[in-house]
Amino acid sequence: MKVSPYYSSNPSDPDVYHDHNDCPTGKQIPASNKRSGTNGYRHCKQCADKA
């Protein structure tokens, strides 16, 4: 299911944003590192494939 965009604030994570609640990569982001929005990053390939 599509959700509001979010990304990881961890510098070692890829500079991408996610917008699906079942994205395997997005699900690995700890809540403490999740930030709302896109931060100007490109779309996660796994989320883009679901669009």
N, C-alpha and C. Protein backbone atom coordinates (compact mmCIF):
# COMPACT_ATOMS: atom_id res chain seq x y z
N MET A 1 0.84 -1.18 0.00
CA MET A 1 0.00 0.00 0.00
C MET A 1 0.89 1.24 0.00
N LYS A 2 0.49 2.22 -0.77
CA LYS A 2 1.25 3.46 -0.85
C LYS A 2 1.08 4.27 0.43
N VAL A 3 2.19 4.86 0.92
CA VAL A 3 2.19 5.68 2.13
C VAL A 3 2.91 6.98 1.84
N SER A 4 2.90 7.89 2.79
CA SER A 4 3.65 9.14 2.64
C SER A 4 5.13 8.82 2.50
N PRO A 5 5.85 9.57 1.66
CA PRO A 5 7.27 9.29 1.44
C PRO A 5 8.08 9.40 2.72
N TYR A 6 9.10 8.55 2.81
CA TYR A 6 10.02 8.58 3.94
C TYR A 6 11.40 8.11 3.47
N TYR A 7 12.42 8.44 4.24
CA TYR A 7 13.78 8.06 3.92
C TYR A 7 14.54 7.81 5.22
N SER A 8 15.75 7.31 5.10
CA SER A 8 16.58 7.02 6.26
C SER A 8 17.57 8.16 6.48
N SER A 9 17.74 8.56 7.73
CA SER A 9 18.72 9.59 8.07
C SER A 9 20.11 9.01 8.32
N ASN A 10 20.24 7.69 8.24
CA ASN A 10 21.53 7.03 8.45
C ASN A 10 22.42 7.26 7.23
N PRO A 11 23.60 7.88 7.41
CA PRO A 11 24.47 8.18 6.25
C PRO A 11 24.95 6.94 5.50
N SER A 12 24.93 5.78 6.14
CA SER A 12 25.39 4.57 5.45
C SER A 12 24.28 3.91 4.62
N ASP A 13 23.05 4.38 4.74
CA ASP A 13 21.95 3.84 3.94
C ASP A 13 21.92 4.54 2.57
N PRO A 14 21.34 3.88 1.57
CA PRO A 14 21.24 4.49 0.23
C PRO A 14 20.42 5.78 0.27
N ASP A 15 20.79 6.72 -0.59
CA ASP A 15 20.07 7.99 -0.69
C ASP A 15 18.85 7.83 -1.59
N VAL A 16 17.84 7.16 -1.06
CA VAL A 16 16.58 6.94 -1.77
C VAL A 16 15.43 7.17 -0.80
N TYR A 17 14.25 7.42 -1.36
CA TYR A 17 13.06 7.50 -0.51
C TYR A 17 12.12 6.37 -0.86
N HIS A 18 11.28 6.04 0.08
CA HIS A 18 10.32 4.94 -0.05
C HIS A 18 8.90 5.49 0.09
N ASP A 19 7.93 4.82 -0.53
CA ASP A 19 6.54 5.24 -0.38
C ASP A 19 5.57 4.06 -0.42
N HIS A 20 6.07 2.89 -0.05
CA HIS A 20 5.22 1.71 0.10
C HIS A 20 5.51 1.05 1.44
N ASN A 21 4.46 0.70 2.15
CA ASN A 21 4.65 0.15 3.50
C ASN A 21 5.22 -1.27 3.48
N ASP A 22 5.20 -1.95 2.35
CA ASP A 22 5.73 -3.31 2.29
C ASP A 22 7.07 -3.40 1.56
N CYS A 23 7.75 -2.28 1.40
CA CYS A 23 9.06 -2.27 0.75
C CYS A 23 10.07 -2.98 1.67
N PRO A 24 10.74 -4.03 1.18
CA PRO A 24 11.68 -4.76 2.05
C PRO A 24 12.82 -3.88 2.56
N THR A 25 13.33 -3.00 1.72
CA THR A 25 14.42 -2.10 2.15
C THR A 25 13.90 -1.08 3.15
N GLY A 26 12.76 -0.49 2.86
CA GLY A 26 12.18 0.50 3.76
C GLY A 26 11.82 -0.07 5.11
N LYS A 27 11.41 -1.35 5.14
CA LYS A 27 11.04 -1.99 6.40
C LYS A 27 12.24 -2.18 7.32
N GLN A 28 13.45 -2.17 6.77
CA GLN A 28 14.66 -2.36 7.56
C GLN A 28 15.12 -1.08 8.25
N ILE A 29 14.52 0.06 7.91
CA ILE A 29 14.92 1.32 8.53
C ILE A 29 14.34 1.39 9.93
N PRO A 30 15.19 1.51 10.95
CA PRO A 30 14.67 1.64 12.32
C PRO A 30 13.85 2.92 12.47
N ALA A 31 12.83 2.88 13.29
CA ALA A 31 11.95 4.04 13.48
C ALA A 31 12.75 5.29 13.86
N SER A 32 13.83 5.12 14.60
CA SER A 32 14.63 6.27 15.04
C SER A 32 15.35 6.94 13.86
N ASN A 33 15.50 6.24 12.73
CA ASN A 33 16.17 6.81 11.56
C ASN A 33 15.20 7.23 10.46
N LYS A 34 13.92 6.94 10.62
CA LYS A 34 12.93 7.29 9.58
C LYS A 34 12.62 8.78 9.63
N ARG A 35 12.66 9.40 8.47
CA ARG A 35 12.31 10.81 8.35
C ARG A 35 11.25 10.94 7.27
N SER A 36 10.33 11.86 7.48
CA SER A 36 9.24 12.09 6.54
C SER A 36 9.74 12.91 5.35
N GLY A 37 9.23 12.59 4.17
CA GLY A 37 9.56 13.35 2.97
C GLY A 37 10.51 12.59 2.06
N THR A 38 11.02 13.29 1.04
CA THR A 38 11.92 12.67 0.06
C THR A 38 13.36 13.13 0.22
N ASN A 39 13.58 14.27 0.86
CA ASN A 39 14.91 14.85 1.05
C ASN A 39 15.63 15.06 -0.28
N GLY A 40 14.88 15.14 -1.36
CA GLY A 40 15.47 15.34 -2.68
C GLY A 40 16.10 14.08 -3.26
N TYR A 41 15.88 12.93 -2.61
CA TYR A 41 16.46 11.67 -3.07
C TYR A 41 15.63 11.08 -4.20
N ARG A 42 16.24 10.14 -4.90
CA ARG A 42 15.51 9.43 -5.97
C ARG A 42 14.63 8.35 -5.34
N HIS A 43 13.68 7.90 -6.12
CA HIS A 43 12.72 6.89 -5.69
C HIS A 43 13.43 5.54 -5.54
N CYS A 44 13.14 4.82 -4.48
CA CYS A 44 13.64 3.46 -4.28
C CYS A 44 13.16 2.59 -5.45
N LYS A 45 14.06 1.79 -6.01
CA LYS A 45 13.67 0.96 -7.17
C LYS A 45 12.54 0.01 -6.82
N GLN A 46 12.57 -0.59 -5.62
CA GLN A 46 11.51 -1.52 -5.24
C GLN A 46 10.16 -0.81 -5.14
N CYS A 47 10.14 0.42 -4.62
CA CYS A 47 8.89 1.18 -4.54
C CYS A 47 8.45 1.63 -5.93
N ALA A 48 9.40 2.06 -6.75
CA ALA A 48 9.07 2.54 -8.09
C ALA A 48 8.47 1.41 -8.93
N ASP A 49 8.95 0.19 -8.74
CA ASP A 49 8.42 -0.94 -9.50
C ASP A 49 6.97 -1.25 -9.13
N LYS A 50 6.53 -0.82 -7.95
CA LYS A 50 5.15 -1.06 -7.51
C LYS A 50 4.20 0.04 -7.97
N ALA A 51 4.74 1.13 -8.45
CA ALA A 51 3.92 2.28 -8.84
C ALA A 51 3.04 1.97 -10.02
